[in-house]
Amino acid sequence: MANEQMKSIAMLLLVLNFCMYAIVLGIGGWAMNKAIDNGFIIGPELKLPAHFSPLFFPMGNASTGFFVTFALLAGVVGAASAIAGINHIRSWTADSLPSAASVATMAWTLTLLSMGFACKEIELHIRNARLRTMEAFLIILSATQLFYIAAIHGAASNRR
């Protein structure tokens, strides 16, 4: 009984996380595209500014480049985590748990890293609504991904 409840909780969290990671990838892709299209362009006769950053973004603040880059990484690994999680929930055996748990943990650590950059970006104040949305999703994902990891591990301890 408890095992089936944990399975349904894990499935709900998995679907929620996948949708949220997909939204983070969409907004992050938009931000990266805008940065590539409207970024800093330097000609052969010009010199780089004194405080030039290779992660320059024409929107947001000094933290935006790092935030978007790591958010995209977290989004890709998080989506892969959802695919491995679907495989684990379908079989729901101890043999499928290590792969699902390890990729979920990697996605969670990358999400925590991008959440740290989101907190720094919030502290620096200058950002648009899309970046604020992505910050909120990553902060929420840092908790829901941890709950998903706890749910699949909790179910494993109930099976013994």
N, C-alpha and C. Protein backbone atom coordinates (compact mmCIF):
# COMPACT_ATOMS: atom_id res chain seq x y z
N MET A 1 0.82 -1.19 0.00
CA MET A 1 0.00 0.00 0.00
C MET A 1 0.86 1.26 0.00
N ALA A 2 1.80 1.33 0.95
CA ALA A 2 2.68 2.50 1.03
C ALA A 2 3.58 2.58 -0.19
N ASN A 3 3.95 1.42 -0.71
CA ASN A 3 4.81 1.39 -1.88
C ASN A 3 4.09 1.98 -3.10
N GLU A 4 2.81 1.68 -3.26
CA GLU A 4 2.03 2.24 -4.36
C GLU A 4 1.82 3.74 -4.20
N GLN A 5 1.67 4.19 -2.96
CA GLN A 5 1.53 5.63 -2.71
C GLN A 5 2.82 6.35 -3.07
N MET A 6 3.96 5.77 -2.71
CA MET A 6 5.25 6.38 -3.06
C MET A 6 5.45 6.40 -4.57
N LYS A 7 4.98 5.36 -5.23
CA LYS A 7 5.10 5.31 -6.69
C LYS A 7 4.27 6.41 -7.33
N SER A 8 3.05 6.64 -6.83
CA SER A 8 2.21 7.69 -7.41
C SER A 8 2.77 9.09 -7.08
N ILE A 9 3.32 9.26 -5.89
CA ILE A 9 3.95 10.54 -5.54
C ILE A 9 5.17 10.79 -6.43
N ALA A 10 5.98 9.75 -6.63
CA ALA A 10 7.16 9.88 -7.48
C ALA A 10 6.75 10.21 -8.92
N MET A 11 5.68 9.59 -9.40
CA MET A 11 5.22 9.87 -10.76
C MET A 11 4.72 11.30 -10.90
N LEU A 12 3.97 11.77 -9.91
CA LEU A 12 3.48 13.15 -9.93
C LEU A 12 4.65 14.15 -9.93
N LEU A 13 5.63 13.91 -9.06
CA LEU A 13 6.80 14.80 -9.01
C LEU A 13 7.61 14.73 -10.31
N LEU A 14 7.68 13.54 -10.88
CA LEU A 14 8.42 13.37 -12.13
C LEU A 14 7.80 14.17 -13.26
N VAL A 15 6.49 14.10 -13.40
CA VAL A 15 5.79 14.85 -14.45
C VAL A 15 5.92 16.35 -14.20
N LEU A 16 5.74 16.77 -12.95
CA LEU A 16 5.88 18.18 -12.60
C LEU A 16 7.29 18.69 -12.92
N ASN A 17 8.30 17.94 -12.52
CA ASN A 17 9.68 18.35 -12.77
C ASN A 17 9.98 18.40 -14.26
N PHE A 18 9.49 17.42 -15.02
CA PHE A 18 9.75 17.43 -16.45
C PHE A 18 9.16 18.67 -17.11
N CYS A 19 7.92 19.00 -16.75
CA CYS A 19 7.28 20.19 -17.32
C CYS A 19 8.04 21.46 -16.94
N MET A 20 8.47 21.53 -15.70
CA MET A 20 9.20 22.72 -15.26
C MET A 20 10.58 22.81 -15.93
N TYR A 21 11.27 21.69 -16.08
CA TYR A 21 12.56 21.71 -16.78
C TYR A 21 12.37 22.09 -18.25
N ALA A 22 11.28 21.66 -18.86
CA ALA A 22 11.01 22.04 -20.25
C ALA A 22 10.78 23.54 -20.37
N ILE A 23 10.09 24.13 -19.40
CA ILE A 23 9.88 25.58 -19.41
C ILE A 23 11.20 26.31 -19.20
N VAL A 24 12.05 25.81 -18.29
CA VAL A 24 13.37 26.41 -18.07
C VAL A 24 14.19 26.35 -19.35
N LEU A 25 14.12 25.22 -20.07
CA LEU A 25 14.85 25.10 -21.34
C LEU A 25 14.33 26.08 -22.38
N GLY A 26 13.03 26.27 -22.42
CA GLY A 26 12.45 27.22 -23.38
C GLY A 26 12.89 28.65 -23.11
N ILE A 27 12.79 29.07 -21.86
CA ILE A 27 13.18 30.44 -21.51
C ILE A 27 14.70 30.61 -21.64
N GLY A 28 15.45 29.60 -21.20
CA GLY A 28 16.91 29.67 -21.33
C GLY A 28 17.36 29.70 -22.78
N GLY A 29 16.67 28.94 -23.63
CA GLY A 29 16.98 28.98 -25.06
C GLY A 29 16.70 30.34 -25.67
N TRP A 30 15.59 30.95 -25.25
CA TRP A 30 15.28 32.30 -25.72
C TRP A 30 16.37 33.28 -25.30
N ALA A 31 16.80 33.20 -24.03
CA ALA A 31 17.82 34.12 -23.52
C ALA A 31 19.15 33.91 -24.24
N MET A 32 19.51 32.67 -24.48
CA MET A 32 20.77 32.38 -25.17
C MET A 32 20.70 32.88 -26.62
N ASN A 33 19.58 32.68 -27.28
CA ASN A 33 19.41 33.16 -28.65
C ASN A 33 19.51 34.68 -28.70
N LYS A 34 18.85 35.35 -27.75
CA LYS A 34 18.92 36.81 -27.72
C LYS A 34 20.34 37.29 -27.46
N ALA A 35 21.06 36.60 -26.59
CA ALA A 35 22.44 36.98 -26.30
C ALA A 35 23.34 36.79 -27.52
N ILE A 36 23.12 35.73 -28.27
CA ILE A 36 23.93 35.49 -29.46
C ILE A 36 23.60 36.52 -30.54
N ASP A 37 22.32 36.81 -30.71
CA ASP A 37 21.92 37.77 -31.74
C ASP A 37 22.29 39.21 -31.41
N ASN A 38 22.20 39.59 -30.15
CA ASN A 38 22.39 40.99 -29.76
C ASN A 38 23.57 41.19 -28.82
N GLY A 39 24.48 40.26 -28.78
CA GLY A 39 25.61 40.36 -27.86
C GLY A 39 26.64 41.36 -28.30
N PHE A 40 27.72 41.38 -27.58
CA PHE A 40 28.80 42.31 -27.84
C PHE A 40 29.55 41.87 -29.09
N ILE A 41 29.63 42.74 -30.10
CA ILE A 41 30.34 42.44 -31.34
C ILE A 41 31.53 43.38 -31.43
N ILE A 42 32.68 42.82 -31.69
CA ILE A 42 33.89 43.63 -31.75
C ILE A 42 34.54 43.42 -33.12
N GLY A 43 34.95 44.50 -33.73
CA GLY A 43 35.61 44.44 -35.02
C GLY A 43 37.11 44.23 -34.84
N PRO A 44 37.84 44.03 -35.95
CA PRO A 44 39.27 43.78 -35.85
C PRO A 44 40.06 44.99 -35.33
N GLU A 45 39.54 46.19 -35.51
CA GLU A 45 40.28 47.38 -35.08
C GLU A 45 39.93 47.82 -33.66
N LEU A 46 38.93 47.20 -33.03
CA LEU A 46 38.51 47.59 -31.68
C LEU A 46 39.15 46.72 -30.63
N LYS A 47 39.31 47.26 -29.43
CA LYS A 47 39.85 46.50 -28.31
C LYS A 47 38.72 46.14 -27.36
N LEU A 48 38.91 45.04 -26.63
CA LEU A 48 37.91 44.61 -25.67
C LEU A 48 37.83 45.61 -24.51
N PRO A 49 36.64 45.85 -23.99
CA PRO A 49 36.52 46.72 -22.82
C PRO A 49 37.26 46.13 -21.62
N ALA A 50 37.58 46.95 -20.67
CA ALA A 50 38.37 46.52 -19.51
C ALA A 50 37.68 45.41 -18.71
N HIS A 51 36.37 45.48 -18.55
CA HIS A 51 35.65 44.50 -17.74
C HIS A 51 34.77 43.59 -18.60
N PHE A 52 35.28 43.19 -19.75
CA PHE A 52 34.52 42.35 -20.67
C PHE A 52 34.40 40.93 -20.12
N SER A 53 33.22 40.37 -20.22
CA SER A 53 32.97 38.99 -19.81
C SER A 53 32.60 38.17 -21.03
N PRO A 54 33.16 36.99 -21.20
CA PRO A 54 32.77 36.16 -22.35
C PRO A 54 31.33 35.67 -22.24
N LEU A 55 30.74 35.78 -21.06
CA LEU A 55 29.34 35.41 -20.86
C LEU A 55 28.47 36.65 -20.79
N PHE A 56 28.76 37.61 -21.64
CA PHE A 56 28.01 38.86 -21.67
C PHE A 56 26.61 38.62 -22.23
N PHE A 57 25.60 39.09 -21.53
CA PHE A 57 24.22 39.02 -21.99
C PHE A 57 23.68 40.43 -22.08
N PRO A 58 22.99 40.78 -23.16
CA PRO A 58 22.48 42.15 -23.32
C PRO A 58 21.26 42.45 -22.44
N MET A 59 20.90 41.54 -21.60
CA MET A 59 19.78 41.75 -20.68
C MET A 59 20.23 41.33 -19.29
N GLY A 60 19.50 41.70 -18.28
CA GLY A 60 19.84 41.27 -16.94
C GLY A 60 21.02 42.00 -16.36
N ASN A 61 21.81 41.28 -15.57
CA ASN A 61 22.95 41.88 -14.89
C ASN A 61 24.19 41.01 -15.06
N ALA A 62 25.20 41.23 -14.25
CA ALA A 62 26.47 40.51 -14.41
C ALA A 62 26.34 39.01 -14.18
N SER A 63 25.34 38.59 -13.46
CA SER A 63 25.16 37.17 -13.15
C SER A 63 24.35 36.43 -14.22
N THR A 64 23.72 37.15 -15.13
CA THR A 64 22.79 36.54 -16.07
C THR A 64 23.45 35.50 -16.97
N GLY A 65 24.63 35.76 -17.47
CA GLY A 65 25.30 34.81 -18.34
C GLY A 65 25.56 33.47 -17.67
N PHE A 66 26.05 33.53 -16.45
CA PHE A 66 26.30 32.30 -15.70
C PHE A 66 24.98 31.60 -15.36
N PHE A 67 24.00 32.39 -14.96
CA PHE A 67 22.69 31.84 -14.59
C PHE A 67 22.06 31.10 -15.76
N VAL A 68 22.03 31.72 -16.93
CA VAL A 68 21.39 31.09 -18.09
C VAL A 68 22.16 29.86 -18.53
N THR A 69 23.48 29.93 -18.53
CA THR A 69 24.28 28.79 -18.95
C THR A 69 24.04 27.57 -18.06
N PHE A 70 24.10 27.77 -16.75
CA PHE A 70 23.91 26.64 -15.85
C PHE A 70 22.44 26.22 -15.77
N ALA A 71 21.51 27.12 -16.01
CA ALA A 71 20.10 26.75 -16.06
C ALA A 71 19.83 25.84 -17.26
N LEU A 72 20.47 26.14 -18.39
CA LEU A 72 20.33 25.27 -19.56
C LEU A 72 20.90 23.88 -19.29
N LEU A 73 22.06 23.83 -18.64
CA LEU A 73 22.65 22.53 -18.29
C LEU A 73 21.74 21.76 -17.34
N ALA A 74 21.23 22.45 -16.32
CA ALA A 74 20.32 21.80 -15.37
C ALA A 74 19.06 21.32 -16.07
N GLY A 75 18.55 22.10 -17.02
CA GLY A 75 17.35 21.72 -17.75
C GLY A 75 17.54 20.48 -18.60
N VAL A 76 18.68 20.39 -19.26
CA VAL A 76 18.94 19.22 -20.10
C VAL A 76 19.11 17.97 -19.24
N VAL A 77 19.90 18.08 -18.18
CA VAL A 77 20.11 16.92 -17.31
C VAL A 77 18.81 16.57 -16.57
N GLY A 78 18.02 17.58 -16.21
CA GLY A 78 16.74 17.33 -15.56
C GLY A 78 15.77 16.61 -16.47
N ALA A 79 15.73 16.98 -17.74
CA ALA A 79 14.86 16.29 -18.69
C ALA A 79 15.32 14.85 -18.89
N ALA A 80 16.64 14.64 -18.95
CA ALA A 80 17.17 13.28 -19.04
C ALA A 80 16.83 12.49 -17.78
N SER A 81 16.85 13.16 -16.65
CA SER A 81 16.47 12.52 -15.39
C SER A 81 15.03 12.05 -15.43
N ALA A 82 14.17 12.83 -16.03
CA ALA A 82 12.76 12.44 -16.14
C ALA A 82 12.60 11.20 -17.03
N ILE A 83 13.39 11.12 -18.08
CA ILE A 83 13.32 9.95 -18.96
C ILE A 83 13.78 8.69 -18.21
N ALA A 84 14.88 8.80 -17.47
CA ALA A 84 15.34 7.67 -16.66
C ALA A 84 14.34 7.35 -15.56
N GLY A 85 13.70 8.38 -15.02
CA GLY A 85 12.70 8.17 -13.97
C GLY A 85 11.48 7.44 -14.48
N ILE A 86 11.06 7.75 -15.71
CA ILE A 86 9.92 7.04 -16.30
C ILE A 86 10.23 5.55 -16.43
N ASN A 87 11.44 5.25 -16.86
CA ASN A 87 11.85 3.85 -16.97
C ASN A 87 11.82 3.17 -15.60
N HIS A 88 12.29 3.87 -14.57
CA HIS A 88 12.30 3.29 -13.22
C HIS A 88 10.87 3.10 -12.70
N ILE A 89 10.01 4.06 -12.91
CA ILE A 89 8.64 3.95 -12.40
C ILE A 89 7.87 2.85 -13.14
N ARG A 90 8.16 2.67 -14.42
CA ARG A 90 7.52 1.58 -15.16
C ARG A 90 7.88 0.22 -14.58
N SER A 91 9.17 0.01 -14.31
CA SER A 91 9.59 -1.30 -13.79
C SER A 91 9.48 -1.36 -12.26
N TRP A 92 9.79 -0.26 -11.59
CA TRP A 92 9.69 -0.12 -10.12
C TRP A 92 10.36 -1.27 -9.39
N THR A 93 11.64 -1.53 -9.78
CA THR A 93 12.43 -2.56 -9.12
C THR A 93 13.70 -1.93 -8.56
N ALA A 94 14.35 -2.69 -7.71
CA ALA A 94 15.61 -2.21 -7.12
C ALA A 94 16.72 -2.13 -8.17
N ASP A 95 16.58 -2.87 -9.25
CA ASP A 95 17.59 -2.85 -10.30
C ASP A 95 17.58 -1.55 -11.11
N SER A 96 16.43 -0.92 -11.24
CA SER A 96 16.34 0.32 -12.02
C SER A 96 16.56 1.57 -11.17
N LEU A 97 16.59 1.40 -9.85
CA LEU A 97 16.74 2.56 -8.96
C LEU A 97 18.09 3.27 -9.09
N PRO A 98 19.24 2.57 -9.14
CA PRO A 98 20.51 3.31 -9.16
C PRO A 98 20.67 4.28 -10.33
N SER A 99 20.25 3.88 -11.51
CA SER A 99 20.39 4.79 -12.66
C SER A 99 19.48 5.99 -12.52
N ALA A 100 18.24 5.77 -12.09
CA ALA A 100 17.30 6.88 -11.92
C ALA A 100 17.75 7.81 -10.80
N ALA A 101 18.23 7.24 -9.72
CA ALA A 101 18.65 8.06 -8.58
C ALA A 101 19.92 8.84 -8.89
N SER A 102 20.86 8.24 -9.61
CA SER A 102 22.11 8.96 -9.89
C SER A 102 21.90 10.13 -10.85
N VAL A 103 21.13 9.94 -11.91
CA VAL A 103 20.90 11.05 -12.83
C VAL A 103 20.00 12.11 -12.19
N ALA A 104 19.08 11.70 -11.32
CA ALA A 104 18.25 12.67 -10.59
C ALA A 104 19.11 13.49 -9.64
N THR A 105 20.08 12.86 -9.01
CA THR A 105 20.97 13.59 -8.10
C THR A 105 21.86 14.56 -8.86
N MET A 106 22.33 14.15 -10.03
CA MET A 106 23.13 15.07 -10.86
C MET A 106 22.28 16.27 -11.30
N ALA A 107 21.04 16.01 -11.70
CA ALA A 107 20.15 17.10 -12.09
C ALA A 107 19.89 18.03 -10.91
N TRP A 108 19.73 17.46 -9.74
CA TRP A 108 19.47 18.27 -8.55
C TRP A 108 20.67 19.15 -8.21
N THR A 109 21.90 18.60 -8.31
CA THR A 109 23.08 19.41 -7.98
C THR A 109 23.27 20.54 -9.01
N LEU A 110 23.02 20.27 -10.28
CA LEU A 110 23.09 21.34 -11.28
C LEU A 110 21.99 22.37 -11.07
N THR A 111 20.82 21.91 -10.63
CA THR A 111 19.73 22.84 -10.32
C THR A 111 20.10 23.72 -9.14
N LEU A 112 20.74 23.14 -8.12
CA LEU A 112 21.19 23.93 -6.98
C LEU A 112 22.24 24.97 -7.39
N LEU A 113 23.13 24.57 -8.29
CA LEU A 113 24.14 25.51 -8.76
C LEU A 113 23.49 26.68 -9.51
N SER A 114 22.57 26.38 -10.41
CA SER A 114 21.90 27.46 -11.13
C SER A 114 20.99 28.26 -10.21
N MET A 115 20.45 27.64 -9.17
CA MET A 115 19.66 28.37 -8.19
C MET A 115 20.54 29.37 -7.43
N GLY A 116 21.78 28.99 -7.19
CA GLY A 116 22.72 29.93 -6.56
C GLY A 116 22.95 31.15 -7.42
N PHE A 117 23.11 30.94 -8.72
CA PHE A 117 23.25 32.09 -9.63
C PHE A 117 21.95 32.88 -9.72
N ALA A 118 20.81 32.20 -9.60
CA ALA A 118 19.52 32.91 -9.58
C ALA A 118 19.43 33.81 -8.36
N CYS A 119 19.88 33.32 -7.22
CA CYS A 119 19.87 34.14 -6.00
C CYS A 119 20.78 35.36 -6.16
N LYS A 120 21.93 35.17 -6.79
CA LYS A 120 22.82 36.30 -7.04
C LYS A 120 22.18 37.28 -8.00
N GLU A 121 21.50 36.78 -9.00
CA GLU A 121 20.84 37.67 -9.96
C GLU A 121 19.71 38.45 -9.28
N ILE A 122 18.99 37.81 -8.38
CA ILE A 122 17.94 38.50 -7.63
C ILE A 122 18.56 39.60 -6.77
N GLU A 123 19.69 39.31 -6.18
CA GLU A 123 20.38 40.30 -5.34
C GLU A 123 20.82 41.53 -6.14
N LEU A 124 21.19 41.34 -7.41
CA LEU A 124 21.67 42.45 -8.24
C LEU A 124 20.54 43.23 -8.91
N HIS A 125 19.31 42.77 -8.80
CA HIS A 125 18.07 43.48 -9.14
C HIS A 125 17.73 43.63 -10.62
N ILE A 126 18.62 43.91 -11.53
CA ILE A 126 18.24 44.28 -12.90
C ILE A 126 18.00 43.02 -13.73
N ARG A 127 16.72 42.73 -14.05
CA ARG A 127 16.38 41.58 -14.88
C ARG A 127 14.96 41.75 -15.40
N ASN A 128 14.62 40.99 -16.44
CA ASN A 128 13.28 41.11 -17.02
C ASN A 128 12.36 40.00 -16.49
N ALA A 129 11.12 40.03 -16.93
CA ALA A 129 10.10 39.11 -16.41
C ALA A 129 10.42 37.65 -16.74
N ARG A 130 10.97 37.39 -17.91
CA ARG A 130 11.29 36.01 -18.28
C ARG A 130 12.39 35.45 -17.39
N LEU A 131 13.39 36.26 -17.10
CA LEU A 131 14.45 35.80 -16.21
C LEU A 131 13.92 35.58 -14.80
N ARG A 132 13.01 36.43 -14.35
CA ARG A 132 12.41 36.24 -13.03
C ARG A 132 11.60 34.93 -12.99
N THR A 133 10.93 34.62 -14.09
CA THR A 133 10.18 33.37 -14.17
C THR A 133 11.12 32.18 -14.09
N MET A 134 12.22 32.23 -14.82
CA MET A 134 13.19 31.13 -14.80
C MET A 134 13.81 30.99 -13.41
N GLU A 135 14.08 32.11 -12.74
CA GLU A 135 14.60 32.05 -11.37
C GLU A 135 13.62 31.33 -10.45
N ALA A 136 12.35 31.70 -10.55
CA ALA A 136 11.34 31.07 -9.70
C ALA A 136 11.23 29.58 -9.96
N PHE A 137 11.25 29.19 -11.23
CA PHE A 137 11.15 27.77 -11.56
C PHE A 137 12.34 26.99 -11.03
N LEU A 138 13.53 27.55 -11.11
CA LEU A 138 14.70 26.83 -10.62
C LEU A 138 14.70 26.74 -9.09
N ILE A 139 14.22 27.74 -8.42
CA ILE A 139 14.12 27.68 -6.97
C ILE A 139 13.10 26.61 -6.56
N ILE A 140 11.97 26.56 -7.25
CA ILE A 140 10.98 25.52 -6.96
C ILE A 140 11.52 24.14 -7.32
N LEU A 141 12.21 24.04 -8.46
CA LEU A 141 12.77 22.75 -8.89
C LEU A 141 13.82 22.22 -7.92
N SER A 142 14.54 23.10 -7.25
CA SER A 142 15.54 22.62 -6.30
C SER A 142 14.87 21.85 -5.16
N ALA A 143 13.64 22.22 -4.81
CA ALA A 143 12.91 21.49 -3.77
C ALA A 143 12.20 20.26 -4.34
N THR A 144 11.50 20.41 -5.46
CA THR A 144 10.73 19.28 -5.97
C THR A 144 11.63 18.14 -6.47
N GLN A 145 12.79 18.47 -6.99
CA GLN A 145 13.72 17.42 -7.42
C GLN A 145 14.24 16.65 -6.21
N LEU A 146 14.50 17.37 -5.11
CA LEU A 146 14.93 16.70 -3.88
C LEU A 146 13.81 15.79 -3.35
N PHE A 147 12.57 16.25 -3.39
CA PHE A 147 11.45 15.42 -2.95
C PHE A 147 11.29 14.18 -3.83
N TYR A 148 11.54 14.33 -5.14
CA TYR A 148 11.48 13.19 -6.05
C TYR A 148 12.55 12.16 -5.67
N ILE A 149 13.76 12.63 -5.41
CA ILE A 149 14.84 11.72 -5.02
C ILE A 149 14.47 11.00 -3.72
N ALA A 150 13.92 11.74 -2.77
CA ALA A 150 13.50 11.14 -1.50
C ALA A 150 12.38 10.13 -1.72
N ALA A 151 11.47 10.41 -2.64
CA ALA A 151 10.35 9.50 -2.89
C ALA A 151 10.83 8.18 -3.47
N ILE A 152 11.75 8.22 -4.43
CA ILE A 152 12.19 6.94 -5.01
C ILE A 152 13.09 6.17 -4.04
N HIS A 153 13.83 6.88 -3.19
CA HIS A 153 14.63 6.18 -2.18
C HIS A 153 13.76 5.67 -1.04
N GLY A 154 12.72 6.42 -0.69
CA GLY A 154 11.81 5.97 0.36
C GLY A 154 11.07 4.71 -0.03
N ALA A 155 10.70 4.63 -1.28
CA ALA A 155 10.03 3.44 -1.77
C ALA A 155 10.99 2.25 -1.76
N ALA A 156 12.26 2.49 -2.03
CA ALA A 156 13.23 1.40 -2.03
C ALA A 156 13.42 0.86 -0.61
N SER A 157 13.40 1.73 0.40
CA SER A 157 13.57 1.25 1.76
C SER A 157 12.33 0.52 2.24
N ASN A 158 11.15 0.82 1.68
CA ASN A 158 9.92 0.12 2.06
C ASN A 158 9.86 -1.29 1.46
N ARG A 159 10.62 -1.54 0.38
CA ARG A 159 10.57 -2.84 -0.29
C ARG A 159 11.38 -3.89 0.42
N ARG A 160 12.24 -3.51 1.32
CA ARG A 160 13.12 -4.49 1.97
C ARG A 160 12.42 -5.29 3.01
